[in-house]
Amino acid sequence: MTDIAFSVNKVPVRLTAERWKHIVENHDDMAGYYDTVLKTVSEVFKATPHLLKFPVTKMWIDYDKEADVLYIGFDRPQKATDSEMSQDGILHRYREEKLVGITILEASKRH
């Protein structure tokens, strides 16, 4: 079993049976999500050009499924001193004048 996802530049990424076994052994909650993982890998490739536009080279991303909130941090520790909510439901978090993170509400509904 080897399935392939393709990058936007048509570079193949192979998910072999051996690699999948390793993933599931270390993350048993992933069992049963093979097709989802393969599809998500392809979708991440589509997001890459947008992620590279951020003004930082390191990011921390956390998703709270129950709250449907996506957190993207640009600095650790974040220690925001101010926040600003945009009309589209994105919370911009600042430390002084520096953007240190964003919080995206209703993340799963955005396409």
N, C-alpha and C. Protein backbone atom coordinates (compact mmCIF):
# COMPACT_ATOMS: atom_id res chain seq x y z
N MET A 1 0.84 -1.18 0.00
CA MET A 1 0.00 0.00 0.00
C MET A 1 0.89 1.24 0.00
N THR A 2 0.80 2.01 -1.06
CA THR A 2 1.45 3.31 -1.12
C THR A 2 0.52 4.23 -1.88
N ASP A 3 0.04 5.26 -1.20
CA ASP A 3 -0.77 6.27 -1.86
C ASP A 3 0.05 7.53 -1.95
N ILE A 4 -0.33 8.37 -2.89
CA ILE A 4 0.46 9.55 -3.19
C ILE A 4 -0.41 10.80 -3.14
N ALA A 5 0.10 11.82 -2.49
CA ALA A 5 -0.47 13.17 -2.56
C ALA A 5 0.50 13.99 -3.38
N PHE A 6 0.00 15.00 -4.05
CA PHE A 6 0.86 15.82 -4.89
C PHE A 6 0.88 17.27 -4.41
N SER A 7 2.07 17.85 -4.42
CA SER A 7 2.20 19.26 -4.08
C SER A 7 1.62 20.09 -5.22
N VAL A 8 1.52 21.41 -5.01
CA VAL A 8 1.01 22.28 -6.07
C VAL A 8 1.92 22.27 -7.29
N ASN A 9 3.18 21.89 -7.10
CA ASN A 9 4.12 21.78 -8.21
C ASN A 9 4.21 20.35 -8.74
N LYS A 10 3.24 19.54 -8.36
CA LYS A 10 3.12 18.14 -8.80
C LYS A 10 4.25 17.24 -8.30
N VAL A 11 4.85 17.58 -7.18
CA VAL A 11 5.86 16.73 -6.57
C VAL A 11 5.13 15.68 -5.73
N PRO A 12 5.40 14.40 -5.97
CA PRO A 12 4.69 13.36 -5.22
C PRO A 12 5.18 13.20 -3.79
N VAL A 13 4.25 12.99 -2.88
CA VAL A 13 4.55 12.67 -1.49
C VAL A 13 3.89 11.33 -1.22
N ARG A 14 4.71 10.33 -0.93
CA ARG A 14 4.21 8.97 -0.77
C ARG A 14 3.93 8.65 0.70
N LEU A 15 2.75 8.10 0.95
CA LEU A 15 2.39 7.63 2.28
C LEU A 15 2.38 6.11 2.21
N THR A 16 3.50 5.51 2.61
CA THR A 16 3.65 4.06 2.52
C THR A 16 3.00 3.38 3.73
N ALA A 17 2.79 2.08 3.60
CA ALA A 17 2.23 1.29 4.70
C ALA A 17 3.14 1.37 5.93
N GLU A 18 4.44 1.33 5.70
CA GLU A 18 5.40 1.42 6.80
C GLU A 18 5.29 2.77 7.52
N ARG A 19 5.19 3.86 6.76
CA ARG A 19 5.08 5.19 7.35
C ARG A 19 3.76 5.33 8.11
N TRP A 20 2.67 4.81 7.53
CA TRP A 20 1.36 4.89 8.19
C TRP A 20 1.37 4.10 9.50
N LYS A 21 2.01 2.93 9.49
CA LYS A 21 2.11 2.12 10.71
C LYS A 21 2.84 2.90 11.79
N HIS A 22 3.92 3.56 11.42
CA HIS A 22 4.69 4.37 12.37
C HIS A 22 3.82 5.50 12.94
N ILE A 23 3.06 6.16 12.10
CA ILE A 23 2.18 7.25 12.55
C ILE A 23 1.16 6.73 13.55
N VAL A 24 0.49 5.65 13.21
CA VAL A 24 -0.57 5.11 14.07
C VAL A 24 -0.01 4.55 15.38
N GLU A 25 1.17 3.94 15.33
CA GLU A 25 1.79 3.43 16.56
C GLU A 25 2.09 4.55 17.55
N ASN A 26 2.43 5.71 17.04
CA ASN A 26 2.78 6.84 17.90
C ASN A 26 1.61 7.79 18.16
N HIS A 27 0.55 7.65 17.39
CA HIS A 27 -0.64 8.50 17.53
C HIS A 27 -1.86 7.63 17.26
N ASP A 28 -2.23 6.79 18.23
CA ASP A 28 -3.31 5.83 18.01
C ASP A 28 -4.65 6.49 17.68
N ASP A 29 -4.80 7.76 18.04
CA ASP A 29 -6.03 8.48 17.70
C ASP A 29 -6.15 8.74 16.19
N MET A 30 -5.08 8.51 15.43
CA MET A 30 -5.10 8.71 13.98
C MET A 30 -5.62 7.49 13.22
N ALA A 31 -5.69 6.35 13.88
CA ALA A 31 -6.16 5.12 13.22
C ALA A 31 -7.53 5.38 12.60
N GLY A 32 -7.71 4.95 11.40
CA GLY A 32 -8.98 5.15 10.71
C GLY A 32 -9.05 6.44 9.90
N TYR A 33 -7.99 7.23 9.93
CA TYR A 33 -8.00 8.53 9.23
C TYR A 33 -7.01 8.58 8.06
N TYR A 34 -6.67 7.44 7.52
CA TYR A 34 -5.68 7.38 6.44
C TYR A 34 -6.05 8.31 5.29
N ASP A 35 -7.26 8.17 4.75
CA ASP A 35 -7.67 8.99 3.60
C ASP A 35 -7.70 10.47 3.95
N THR A 36 -8.13 10.78 5.17
CA THR A 36 -8.17 12.17 5.61
C THR A 36 -6.76 12.76 5.68
N VAL A 37 -5.82 12.00 6.20
CA VAL A 37 -4.44 12.46 6.29
C VAL A 37 -3.87 12.71 4.90
N LEU A 38 -4.09 11.80 3.98
CA LEU A 38 -3.58 11.95 2.62
C LEU A 38 -4.17 13.20 1.97
N LYS A 39 -5.46 13.41 2.13
CA LYS A 39 -6.12 14.60 1.57
C LYS A 39 -5.59 15.88 2.22
N THR A 40 -5.40 15.84 3.53
CA THR A 40 -4.92 17.02 4.25
C THR A 40 -3.52 17.40 3.82
N VAL A 41 -2.67 16.41 3.56
CA VAL A 41 -1.31 16.69 3.08
C VAL A 41 -1.39 17.49 1.79
N SER A 42 -2.27 17.10 0.88
CA SER A 42 -2.43 17.85 -0.37
C SER A 42 -2.92 19.27 -0.12
N GLU A 43 -3.83 19.43 0.82
CA GLU A 43 -4.37 20.76 1.12
C GLU A 43 -3.33 21.66 1.79
N VAL A 44 -2.46 21.09 2.59
CA VAL A 44 -1.40 21.88 3.22
C VAL A 44 -0.49 22.46 2.15
N PHE A 45 -0.22 21.71 1.11
CA PHE A 45 0.60 22.23 0.02
C PHE A 45 -0.03 23.49 -0.58
N LYS A 46 -1.36 23.50 -0.69
CA LYS A 46 -2.06 24.67 -1.24
C LYS A 46 -1.94 25.88 -0.31
N ALA A 47 -1.87 25.64 1.00
CA ALA A 47 -1.78 26.73 1.97
C ALA A 47 -0.37 27.29 2.10
N THR A 48 0.63 26.53 1.71
CA THR A 48 2.02 26.92 1.92
C THR A 48 2.36 28.30 1.38
N PRO A 49 2.00 28.66 0.14
CA PRO A 49 2.35 30.01 -0.34
C PRO A 49 1.77 31.12 0.55
N HIS A 50 0.59 30.90 1.11
CA HIS A 50 -0.03 31.89 1.99
C HIS A 50 0.70 31.98 3.32
N LEU A 51 1.11 30.84 3.86
CA LEU A 51 1.84 30.83 5.13
C LEU A 51 3.18 31.54 5.01
N LEU A 52 3.79 31.43 3.84
CA LEU A 52 5.09 32.06 3.63
C LEU A 52 5.00 33.58 3.56
N LYS A 53 3.80 34.12 3.43
CA LYS A 53 3.61 35.58 3.38
C LYS A 53 3.63 36.21 4.78
N PHE A 54 3.49 35.39 5.82
CA PHE A 54 3.54 35.94 7.17
C PHE A 54 4.91 36.56 7.42
N PRO A 55 4.96 37.61 8.23
CA PRO A 55 6.23 38.33 8.44
C PRO A 55 7.16 37.65 9.45
N VAL A 56 6.93 36.38 9.74
CA VAL A 56 7.78 35.65 10.68
C VAL A 56 8.18 34.31 10.06
N THR A 57 9.22 33.72 10.61
CA THR A 57 9.67 32.43 10.08
C THR A 57 9.27 31.27 10.98
N LYS A 58 8.79 31.56 12.19
CA LYS A 58 8.33 30.51 13.10
C LYS A 58 6.90 30.82 13.51
N MET A 59 6.08 29.76 13.55
CA MET A 59 4.70 29.89 13.98
C MET A 59 4.32 28.68 14.80
N TRP A 60 3.40 28.88 15.74
CA TRP A 60 2.85 27.80 16.53
C TRP A 60 1.36 27.79 16.26
N ILE A 61 0.85 26.64 15.89
CA ILE A 61 -0.55 26.54 15.51
C ILE A 61 -1.24 25.51 16.40
N ASP A 62 -2.36 25.93 16.98
CA ASP A 62 -3.18 25.05 17.83
C ASP A 62 -4.63 25.20 17.40
N TYR A 63 -5.33 24.08 17.40
CA TYR A 63 -6.76 24.10 17.06
C TYR A 63 -7.56 23.49 18.19
N ASP A 64 -8.54 24.22 18.68
CA ASP A 64 -9.45 23.73 19.71
C ASP A 64 -10.73 23.31 18.99
N LYS A 65 -10.88 22.00 18.77
CA LYS A 65 -12.01 21.49 18.00
C LYS A 65 -13.34 21.78 18.68
N GLU A 66 -13.39 21.63 20.00
CA GLU A 66 -14.64 21.85 20.73
C GLU A 66 -15.11 23.30 20.59
N ALA A 67 -14.19 24.24 20.67
CA ALA A 67 -14.54 25.66 20.55
C ALA A 67 -14.51 26.13 19.10
N ASP A 68 -13.95 25.32 18.20
CA ASP A 68 -13.77 25.66 16.79
C ASP A 68 -12.98 26.96 16.65
N VAL A 69 -11.84 27.00 17.33
CA VAL A 69 -10.98 28.17 17.33
C VAL A 69 -9.56 27.75 16.93
N LEU A 70 -8.99 28.49 15.99
CA LEU A 70 -7.63 28.24 15.54
C LEU A 70 -6.73 29.36 16.07
N TYR A 71 -5.67 28.95 16.76
CA TYR A 71 -4.72 29.90 17.33
C TYR A 71 -3.42 29.83 16.53
N ILE A 72 -2.94 30.97 16.08
CA ILE A 72 -1.65 31.03 15.40
C ILE A 72 -0.79 32.04 16.16
N GLY A 73 0.30 31.54 16.74
CA GLY A 73 1.20 32.40 17.49
C GLY A 73 2.46 32.68 16.71
N PHE A 74 2.94 33.92 16.79
CA PHE A 74 4.15 34.32 16.08
C PHE A 74 5.33 34.55 17.03
N ASP A 75 5.08 34.44 18.32
CA ASP A 75 6.13 34.66 19.29
C ASP A 75 5.82 33.83 20.53
N ARG A 76 6.85 33.29 21.18
CA ARG A 76 6.68 32.52 22.40
C ARG A 76 7.57 33.10 23.47
N PRO A 77 7.08 33.35 24.65
CA PRO A 77 5.66 33.31 25.01
C PRO A 77 4.94 34.50 24.39
N GLN A 78 3.67 34.32 24.11
CA GLN A 78 2.92 35.36 23.42
C GLN A 78 2.75 36.61 24.28
N LYS A 79 2.30 36.46 25.51
CA LYS A 79 2.13 37.56 26.46
C LYS A 79 1.55 38.81 25.82
N ALA A 80 0.41 38.66 25.18
CA ALA A 80 -0.24 39.80 24.53
C ALA A 80 -0.68 40.82 25.57
N THR A 81 -0.54 42.09 25.24
CA THR A 81 -0.98 43.17 26.11
C THR A 81 -2.22 43.86 25.57
N ASP A 82 -2.59 43.55 24.32
CA ASP A 82 -3.75 44.18 23.71
C ASP A 82 -4.30 43.25 22.62
N SER A 83 -5.59 43.37 22.36
CA SER A 83 -6.23 42.58 21.31
C SER A 83 -7.18 43.47 20.54
N GLU A 84 -7.37 43.12 19.27
CA GLU A 84 -8.28 43.87 18.41
C GLU A 84 -9.06 42.87 17.56
N MET A 85 -10.40 42.96 17.59
CA MET A 85 -11.25 42.06 16.82
C MET A 85 -11.60 42.70 15.49
N SER A 86 -11.33 42.01 14.39
CA SER A 86 -11.71 42.52 13.08
C SER A 86 -13.15 42.11 12.79
N GLN A 87 -13.74 42.72 11.78
CA GLN A 87 -15.13 42.44 11.43
C GLN A 87 -15.35 41.01 10.97
N ASP A 88 -14.29 40.36 10.50
CA ASP A 88 -14.43 38.99 10.00
C ASP A 88 -14.20 37.93 11.07
N GLY A 89 -14.18 38.33 12.34
CA GLY A 89 -14.07 37.38 13.43
C GLY A 89 -12.67 36.89 13.70
N ILE A 90 -11.68 37.68 13.38
CA ILE A 90 -10.29 37.33 13.67
C ILE A 90 -9.77 38.29 14.74
N LEU A 91 -9.26 37.69 15.80
CA LEU A 91 -8.72 38.46 16.91
C LEU A 91 -7.21 38.62 16.70
N HIS A 92 -6.75 39.86 16.59
CA HIS A 92 -5.33 40.16 16.43
C HIS A 92 -4.77 40.44 17.83
N ARG A 93 -3.70 39.75 18.19
CA ARG A 93 -3.14 39.86 19.54
C ARG A 93 -1.77 40.56 19.45
N TYR A 94 -1.62 41.60 20.26
CA TYR A 94 -0.42 42.42 20.22
C TYR A 94 0.29 42.46 21.57
N ARG A 95 1.59 42.57 21.51
CA ARG A 95 2.40 42.94 22.67
C ARG A 95 3.02 44.27 22.28
N GLU A 96 2.55 45.32 22.96
CA GLU A 96 2.90 46.69 22.56
C GLU A 96 2.43 46.87 21.10
N GLU A 97 3.31 47.17 20.16
CA GLU A 97 2.93 47.37 18.75
C GLU A 97 3.14 46.13 17.90
N LYS A 98 3.74 45.09 18.48
CA LYS A 98 4.11 43.89 17.73
C LYS A 98 2.96 42.88 17.70
N LEU A 99 2.59 42.43 16.49
CA LEU A 99 1.59 41.37 16.35
C LEU A 99 2.23 40.06 16.79
N VAL A 100 1.67 39.44 17.84
CA VAL A 100 2.26 38.21 18.38
C VAL A 100 1.39 36.99 18.12
N GLY A 101 0.18 37.20 17.57
CA GLY A 101 -0.67 36.06 17.26
C GLY A 101 -2.02 36.49 16.74
N ILE A 102 -2.73 35.52 16.17
CA ILE A 102 -4.10 35.73 15.75
C ILE A 102 -4.94 34.55 16.22
N THR A 103 -6.20 34.83 16.49
CA THR A 103 -7.16 33.82 16.91
C THR A 103 -8.30 33.86 15.90
N ILE A 104 -8.58 32.73 15.28
CA ILE A 104 -9.61 32.67 14.25
C ILE A 104 -10.82 31.93 14.81
N LEU A 105 -11.92 32.65 14.97
CA LEU A 105 -13.15 32.08 15.48
C LEU A 105 -13.89 31.35 14.37
N GLU A 106 -14.66 30.33 14.72
CA GLU A 106 -15.40 29.51 13.75
C GLU A 106 -14.49 29.06 12.60
N ALA A 107 -13.34 28.56 12.96
CA ALA A 107 -12.31 28.21 12.00
C ALA A 107 -12.75 27.18 10.95
N SER A 108 -13.53 26.19 11.35
CA SER A 108 -13.91 25.12 10.42
C SER A 108 -14.90 25.61 9.35
N LYS A 109 -15.50 26.76 9.55
CA LYS A 109 -16.48 27.29 8.60
C LYS A 109 -15.85 28.19 7.54
N ARG A 110 -14.56 28.38 7.63
CA ARG A 110 -13.86 29.26 6.68
C ARG A 110 -13.23 28.43 5.57
N HIS A 111 -13.45 28.88 4.36
CA HIS A 111 -12.89 28.13 3.20
C HIS A 111 -12.20 29.08 2.26
